[in-house]
Amino acid sequence: QVQLVESGGGLVQAGGSLRLSCAASGSIFSINAMGWYRQAPGKQRELVADIISGGNANYPDSVKGRFTISRDNGKNTVSLQMNSLKPEDTAVYYCNGRIVDSRRWPRTEADYWGQGTQVTVSS
C-alpha cells in the first residue's frame, strides 16, 4: 500500500510565506512524478506545481515566480515553498504522486493522493 502524508499549511497574511511537505511511503517501486494540486470551495481541483524524477518542474501562470517545488528522490518527498501569498491562493492543497506500486503487475503507474491540508491567506 502506498501512502502520501502532507504537513505544513495554515493561516498566513497576504504577502507571507508557507511551506508544504509531503512524504510517500509503502510499497513503492518507482515514483515518476510528484506534485501539488489545490481546490478552493466551489472550484475544480487545479495543478499548482509538479516535478518529474529528472527534476523538470511545471507551474501554471497563476503561481509562477511565487511558488517553488522541490523533490528529494532518495527520501520520496516533495515540498512546495509558497511566497508572496495572495487571498486567492486559499484552498485545500493536495499532494499527488504518480507511483508504481511494487505489488502490482504489470508495473503501471497510478495516481495517489494525500489527505489534503488547508492553506488560508487573509487580506
N, C-alpha and C. Protein backbone atom coordinates (compact mmCIF):
# COMPACT_ATOMS: atom_id res chain seq x y z
N GLN A 1 0.84 -1.19 0.00
CA GLN A 1 0.00 0.00 0.00
C GLN A 1 0.88 1.24 0.00
N VAL A 2 0.47 2.21 -0.82
CA VAL A 2 1.22 3.46 -0.93
C VAL A 2 0.45 4.55 -0.18
N GLN A 3 1.17 5.34 0.58
CA GLN A 3 0.56 6.45 1.30
C GLN A 3 1.33 7.73 1.06
N LEU A 4 0.59 8.84 1.00
CA LEU A 4 1.17 10.17 0.94
C LEU A 4 0.70 10.93 2.16
N VAL A 5 1.65 11.48 2.90
CA VAL A 5 1.31 12.22 4.11
C VAL A 5 1.85 13.63 4.00
N GLU A 6 0.96 14.59 4.14
CA GLU A 6 1.33 16.00 3.99
C GLU A 6 1.55 16.64 5.35
N SER A 7 2.32 17.71 5.34
CA SER A 7 2.48 18.55 6.52
C SER A 7 2.66 19.99 6.07
N GLY A 8 2.44 20.89 6.99
CA GLY A 8 2.51 22.32 6.66
C GLY A 8 1.11 22.87 6.48
N GLY A 9 1.03 24.01 5.87
CA GLY A 9 -0.25 24.68 5.71
C GLY A 9 -0.57 25.52 6.93
N GLY A 10 -1.72 26.18 6.88
CA GLY A 10 -2.14 27.02 7.99
C GLY A 10 -2.65 28.36 7.51
N LEU A 11 -2.62 29.32 8.42
CA LEU A 11 -3.14 30.66 8.15
C LEU A 11 -1.98 31.64 8.06
N VAL A 12 -2.01 32.47 7.03
CA VAL A 12 -0.96 33.46 6.83
C VAL A 12 -1.57 34.72 6.24
N GLN A 13 -0.95 35.85 6.49
CA GLN A 13 -1.41 37.09 5.89
C GLN A 13 -0.93 37.20 4.45
N ALA A 14 -1.64 37.98 3.67
CA ALA A 14 -1.24 38.22 2.29
C ALA A 14 0.19 38.76 2.26
N GLY A 15 0.96 38.23 1.31
CA GLY A 15 2.36 38.60 1.21
C GLY A 15 3.30 37.69 1.98
N GLY A 16 2.74 36.84 2.81
CA GLY A 16 3.54 35.93 3.61
C GLY A 16 3.93 34.67 2.87
N SER A 17 4.55 33.76 3.60
CA SER A 17 5.07 32.52 3.02
C SER A 17 4.64 31.32 3.84
N LEU A 18 4.52 30.20 3.16
CA LEU A 18 4.27 28.92 3.80
C LEU A 18 5.03 27.85 3.03
N ARG A 19 5.31 26.76 3.74
CA ARG A 19 5.97 25.63 3.10
C ARG A 19 5.17 24.37 3.38
N LEU A 20 4.86 23.65 2.31
CA LEU A 20 4.18 22.35 2.42
C LEU A 20 5.17 21.24 2.11
N SER A 21 5.01 20.14 2.82
CA SER A 21 5.85 18.97 2.57
C SER A 21 4.98 17.73 2.46
N CYS A 22 5.47 16.76 1.72
CA CYS A 22 4.73 15.51 1.52
C CYS A 22 5.73 14.37 1.43
N ALA A 23 5.43 13.29 2.14
CA ALA A 23 6.29 12.12 2.12
C ALA A 23 5.50 10.92 1.63
N ALA A 24 6.06 10.22 0.66
CA ALA A 24 5.45 8.99 0.15
C ALA A 24 6.11 7.80 0.82
N SER A 25 5.30 6.81 1.16
CA SER A 25 5.84 5.61 1.81
C SER A 25 5.02 4.40 1.40
N GLY A 26 5.55 3.23 1.74
CA GLY A 26 4.84 2.00 1.45
C GLY A 26 5.52 1.20 0.34
N SER A 27 4.69 0.48 -0.41
CA SER A 27 5.19 -0.45 -1.42
C SER A 27 5.50 0.29 -2.74
N ILE A 28 6.55 1.12 -2.70
CA ILE A 28 6.90 1.96 -3.84
C ILE A 28 7.97 1.28 -4.67
N PHE A 29 7.65 1.07 -5.94
CA PHE A 29 8.65 0.57 -6.88
C PHE A 29 9.40 1.73 -7.51
N SER A 30 8.63 2.74 -7.94
CA SER A 30 9.23 3.94 -8.50
C SER A 30 8.21 5.08 -8.45
N ILE A 31 8.74 6.30 -8.45
CA ILE A 31 7.89 7.49 -8.49
C ILE A 31 8.24 8.26 -9.75
N ASN A 32 7.28 8.40 -10.62
CA ASN A 32 7.53 9.06 -11.90
C ASN A 32 7.38 10.57 -11.79
N ALA A 33 6.49 11.01 -10.93
CA ALA A 33 6.29 12.45 -10.74
C ALA A 33 5.60 12.68 -9.41
N MET A 34 5.85 13.84 -8.85
CA MET A 34 5.13 14.27 -7.65
C MET A 34 4.71 15.71 -7.85
N GLY A 35 3.64 16.08 -7.18
CA GLY A 35 3.17 17.44 -7.38
C GLY A 35 2.15 17.86 -6.34
N TRP A 36 1.67 19.06 -6.55
CA TRP A 36 0.66 19.65 -5.66
C TRP A 36 -0.50 20.18 -6.48
N TYR A 37 -1.69 19.92 -5.98
CA TYR A 37 -2.90 20.45 -6.56
C TYR A 37 -3.64 21.20 -5.46
N ARG A 38 -4.59 22.04 -5.85
CA ARG A 38 -5.40 22.72 -4.84
C ARG A 38 -6.84 22.79 -5.30
N GLN A 39 -7.70 22.89 -4.31
CA GLN A 39 -9.13 23.00 -4.61
C GLN A 39 -9.75 24.01 -3.65
N ALA A 40 -10.28 25.08 -4.23
CA ALA A 40 -10.99 26.09 -3.46
C ALA A 40 -12.48 25.74 -3.44
N PRO A 41 -13.23 26.23 -2.47
CA PRO A 41 -14.66 25.92 -2.40
C PRO A 41 -15.38 26.30 -3.69
N GLY A 42 -16.14 25.37 -4.22
CA GLY A 42 -16.91 25.62 -5.43
C GLY A 42 -16.11 25.59 -6.71
N LYS A 43 -14.84 25.24 -6.62
CA LYS A 43 -14.00 25.20 -7.82
C LYS A 43 -13.43 23.81 -8.04
N GLN A 44 -12.96 23.57 -9.26
CA GLN A 44 -12.34 22.29 -9.56
C GLN A 44 -10.92 22.25 -9.02
N ARG A 45 -10.45 21.03 -8.79
CA ARG A 45 -9.07 20.86 -8.38
C ARG A 45 -8.16 21.27 -9.53
N GLU A 46 -7.10 22.02 -9.21
CA GLU A 46 -6.20 22.51 -10.25
C GLU A 46 -4.74 22.24 -9.87
N LEU A 47 -3.93 22.11 -10.89
CA LEU A 47 -2.49 21.89 -10.68
C LEU A 47 -1.86 23.16 -10.14
N VAL A 48 -0.99 22.99 -9.14
CA VAL A 48 -0.20 24.09 -8.60
C VAL A 48 1.25 23.96 -9.08
N ALA A 49 1.78 22.77 -9.02
CA ALA A 49 3.14 22.53 -9.48
C ALA A 49 3.38 21.03 -9.52
N ASP A 50 4.18 20.59 -10.46
CA ASP A 50 4.63 19.21 -10.42
C ASP A 50 6.06 19.12 -10.89
N ILE A 51 6.69 17.98 -10.57
CA ILE A 51 8.10 17.79 -10.87
C ILE A 51 8.33 16.33 -11.17
N ILE A 52 9.04 16.07 -12.27
CA ILE A 52 9.32 14.69 -12.64
C ILE A 52 10.62 14.24 -11.99
N SER A 53 10.91 12.96 -12.11
CA SER A 53 12.08 12.41 -11.44
C SER A 53 13.37 13.07 -11.92
N GLY A 54 13.40 13.55 -13.15
CA GLY A 54 14.60 14.20 -13.66
C GLY A 54 14.80 15.62 -13.14
N GLY A 55 13.76 16.17 -12.50
CA GLY A 55 13.89 17.48 -11.89
C GLY A 55 13.17 18.61 -12.61
N ASN A 56 12.63 18.36 -13.79
CA ASN A 56 11.92 19.41 -14.50
C ASN A 56 10.59 19.70 -13.79
N ALA A 57 10.36 20.99 -13.53
CA ALA A 57 9.15 21.42 -12.83
C ALA A 57 8.22 22.15 -13.78
N ASN A 58 6.95 22.12 -13.41
CA ASN A 58 5.92 22.74 -14.24
C ASN A 58 4.99 23.54 -13.32
N TYR A 59 4.70 24.80 -13.70
CA TYR A 59 3.84 25.67 -12.91
C TYR A 59 2.82 26.36 -13.83
N PRO A 60 1.61 26.56 -13.34
CA PRO A 60 0.69 27.42 -14.09
C PRO A 60 1.09 28.88 -13.89
N ASP A 61 0.61 29.74 -14.76
CA ASP A 61 0.96 31.16 -14.68
C ASP A 61 0.55 31.79 -13.36
N SER A 62 -0.51 31.27 -12.75
CA SER A 62 -1.03 31.87 -11.53
C SER A 62 -0.05 31.81 -10.35
N VAL A 63 0.89 30.88 -10.38
CA VAL A 63 1.83 30.75 -9.25
C VAL A 63 3.28 30.90 -9.69
N LYS A 64 3.52 30.97 -10.98
CA LYS A 64 4.89 31.05 -11.49
C LYS A 64 5.60 32.27 -10.91
N GLY A 65 6.81 32.05 -10.43
CA GLY A 65 7.58 33.13 -9.83
C GLY A 65 7.33 33.30 -8.34
N ARG A 66 6.29 32.69 -7.82
CA ARG A 66 5.97 32.80 -6.39
C ARG A 66 6.15 31.46 -5.67
N PHE A 67 5.85 30.37 -6.35
CA PHE A 67 5.92 29.04 -5.75
C PHE A 67 7.11 28.29 -6.34
N THR A 68 7.74 27.47 -5.49
CA THR A 68 8.85 26.64 -5.95
C THR A 68 8.65 25.23 -5.42
N ILE A 69 8.68 24.27 -6.32
CA ILE A 69 8.55 22.87 -5.92
C ILE A 69 9.94 22.23 -5.93
N SER A 70 10.17 21.36 -4.97
CA SER A 70 11.44 20.65 -4.91
C SER A 70 11.18 19.21 -4.49
N ARG A 71 12.11 18.35 -4.83
CA ARG A 71 11.89 16.93 -4.60
C ARG A 71 13.19 16.28 -4.14
N ASP A 72 13.07 15.37 -3.20
CA ASP A 72 14.20 14.56 -2.76
C ASP A 72 13.89 13.12 -3.16
N ASN A 73 14.50 12.68 -4.24
CA ASN A 73 14.20 11.35 -4.75
C ASN A 73 14.61 10.25 -3.77
N GLY A 74 15.68 10.48 -3.03
CA GLY A 74 16.14 9.47 -2.09
C GLY A 74 15.20 9.27 -0.92
N LYS A 75 14.50 10.33 -0.55
CA LYS A 75 13.59 10.26 0.60
C LYS A 75 12.13 10.16 0.18
N ASN A 76 11.87 10.19 -1.12
CA ASN A 76 10.49 10.15 -1.63
C ASN A 76 9.64 11.28 -1.05
N THR A 77 10.22 12.47 -1.03
CA THR A 77 9.49 13.62 -0.51
C THR A 77 9.42 14.73 -1.57
N VAL A 78 8.41 15.55 -1.42
CA VAL A 78 8.26 16.72 -2.27
C VAL A 78 7.82 17.88 -1.38
N SER A 79 8.33 19.06 -1.68
CA SER A 79 7.99 20.24 -0.91
C SER A 79 7.54 21.35 -1.83
N LEU A 80 6.75 22.25 -1.28
CA LEU A 80 6.28 23.40 -2.04
C LEU A 80 6.49 24.64 -1.20
N GLN A 81 7.40 25.49 -1.64
CA GLN A 81 7.64 26.76 -0.98
C GLN A 81 6.75 27.81 -1.64
N MET A 82 5.89 28.43 -0.84
CA MET A 82 4.93 29.40 -1.38
C MET A 82 5.25 30.77 -0.79
N ASN A 83 5.62 31.69 -1.65
CA ASN A 83 5.94 33.05 -1.25
C ASN A 83 4.93 34.02 -1.85
N SER A 84 4.93 35.23 -1.32
CA SER A 84 4.03 36.28 -1.82
C SER A 84 2.61 35.77 -1.97
N LEU A 85 2.13 35.13 -0.93
CA LEU A 85 0.81 34.52 -0.99
C LEU A 85 -0.29 35.57 -1.12
N LYS A 86 -1.33 35.19 -1.84
CA LYS A 86 -2.47 36.06 -2.10
C LYS A 86 -3.73 35.41 -1.54
N PRO A 87 -4.75 36.18 -1.24
CA PRO A 87 -6.01 35.58 -0.76
C PRO A 87 -6.56 34.53 -1.73
N GLU A 88 -6.34 34.73 -3.01
CA GLU A 88 -6.84 33.76 -3.99
C GLU A 88 -6.08 32.44 -3.98
N ASP A 89 -5.02 32.35 -3.21
CA ASP A 89 -4.31 31.08 -3.04
C ASP A 89 -4.97 30.21 -1.98
N THR A 90 -5.96 30.75 -1.29
CA THR A 90 -6.67 29.99 -0.26
C THR A 90 -7.36 28.78 -0.86
N ALA A 91 -7.06 27.61 -0.31
CA ALA A 91 -7.61 26.36 -0.83
C ALA A 91 -7.11 25.21 0.03
N VAL A 92 -7.67 24.04 -0.22
CA VAL A 92 -7.08 22.81 0.32
C VAL A 92 -6.05 22.32 -0.70
N TYR A 93 -4.85 22.09 -0.22
CA TYR A 93 -3.75 21.66 -1.07
C TYR A 93 -3.53 20.16 -0.91
N TYR A 94 -3.42 19.48 -2.04
CA TYR A 94 -3.27 18.02 -2.05
C TYR A 94 -1.95 17.63 -2.69
N CYS A 95 -1.25 16.74 -2.05
CA CYS A 95 -0.06 16.14 -2.63
C CYS A 95 -0.47 15.02 -3.57
N ASN A 96 0.20 14.92 -4.69
CA ASN A 96 -0.08 13.88 -5.68
C ASN A 96 1.20 13.16 -6.06
N GLY A 97 1.10 11.88 -6.24
CA GLY A 97 2.23 11.12 -6.73
C GLY A 97 1.80 10.18 -7.84
N ARG A 98 2.56 10.15 -8.93
CA ARG A 98 2.34 9.15 -9.98
C ARG A 98 3.35 8.03 -9.71
N ILE A 99 2.84 6.99 -9.09
CA ILE A 99 3.69 6.00 -8.43
C ILE A 99 3.40 4.60 -8.95
N VAL A 100 4.47 3.83 -9.11
CA VAL A 100 4.32 2.42 -9.44
C VAL A 100 4.42 1.63 -8.14
N ASP A 101 3.34 0.94 -7.81
CA ASP A 101 3.28 0.10 -6.61
C ASP A 101 4.01 -1.20 -6.88
N SER A 102 4.94 -1.55 -6.01
CA SER A 102 5.74 -2.77 -6.23
C SER A 102 4.91 -4.04 -6.15
N ARG A 103 3.72 -3.95 -5.60
CA ARG A 103 2.87 -5.13 -5.50
C ARG A 103 2.07 -5.38 -6.78
N ARG A 104 2.06 -4.40 -7.69
CA ARG A 104 1.23 -4.52 -8.89
C ARG A 104 2.03 -5.11 -10.04
N TRP A 105 1.32 -5.88 -10.83
CA TRP A 105 1.89 -6.39 -12.08
C TRP A 105 0.80 -6.34 -13.13
N PRO A 106 1.05 -5.76 -14.31
CA PRO A 106 2.33 -5.17 -14.71
C PRO A 106 2.64 -3.89 -13.94
N ARG A 107 3.83 -3.43 -14.11
CA ARG A 107 4.31 -2.27 -13.36
C ARG A 107 3.83 -0.97 -14.02
N THR A 108 2.57 -0.69 -13.81
CA THR A 108 1.99 0.54 -14.35
C THR A 108 1.79 1.53 -13.22
N GLU A 109 1.89 2.81 -13.54
CA GLU A 109 1.76 3.83 -12.51
C GLU A 109 0.29 4.12 -12.23
N ALA A 110 0.05 4.63 -11.05
CA ALA A 110 -1.29 5.06 -10.66
C ALA A 110 -1.15 6.37 -9.90
N ASP A 111 -2.25 7.10 -9.82
CA ASP A 111 -2.27 8.35 -9.07
C ASP A 111 -2.59 8.08 -7.60
N TYR A 112 -1.79 8.65 -6.72
CA TYR A 112 -2.04 8.57 -5.29
C TYR A 112 -2.14 9.99 -4.74
N TRP A 113 -2.99 10.14 -3.71
CA TRP A 113 -3.26 11.47 -3.16
C TRP A 113 -3.09 11.48 -1.65
N GLY A 114 -2.62 12.63 -1.15
CA GLY A 114 -2.62 12.85 0.27
C GLY A 114 -4.00 13.27 0.74
N GLN A 115 -4.11 13.48 2.04
CA GLN A 115 -5.41 13.77 2.63
C GLN A 115 -5.81 15.24 2.47
N GLY A 116 -4.88 16.08 2.10
CA GLY A 116 -5.15 17.50 1.92
C GLY A 116 -4.79 18.31 3.15
N THR A 117 -4.33 19.52 2.92
CA THR A 117 -4.01 20.44 4.01
C THR A 117 -4.52 21.83 3.65
N GLN A 118 -5.11 22.49 4.62
CA GLN A 118 -5.73 23.78 4.37
C GLN A 118 -4.69 24.89 4.38
N VAL A 119 -4.76 25.73 3.37
CA VAL A 119 -3.97 26.97 3.32
C VAL A 119 -4.96 28.13 3.23
N THR A 120 -4.86 29.05 4.18
CA THR A 120 -5.75 30.21 4.21
C THR A 120 -4.90 31.47 4.23
N VAL A 121 -5.15 32.35 3.27
CA VAL A 121 -4.42 33.60 3.17
C VAL A 121 -5.40 34.74 3.43
N SER A 122 -5.13 35.49 4.47
CA SER A 122 -6.03 36.60 4.83
C SER A 122 -5.55 37.89 4.19
N SER A 123 -6.49 38.74 3.88
CA SER A 123 -6.15 40.01 3.22
C SER A 123 -5.87 41.11 4.23
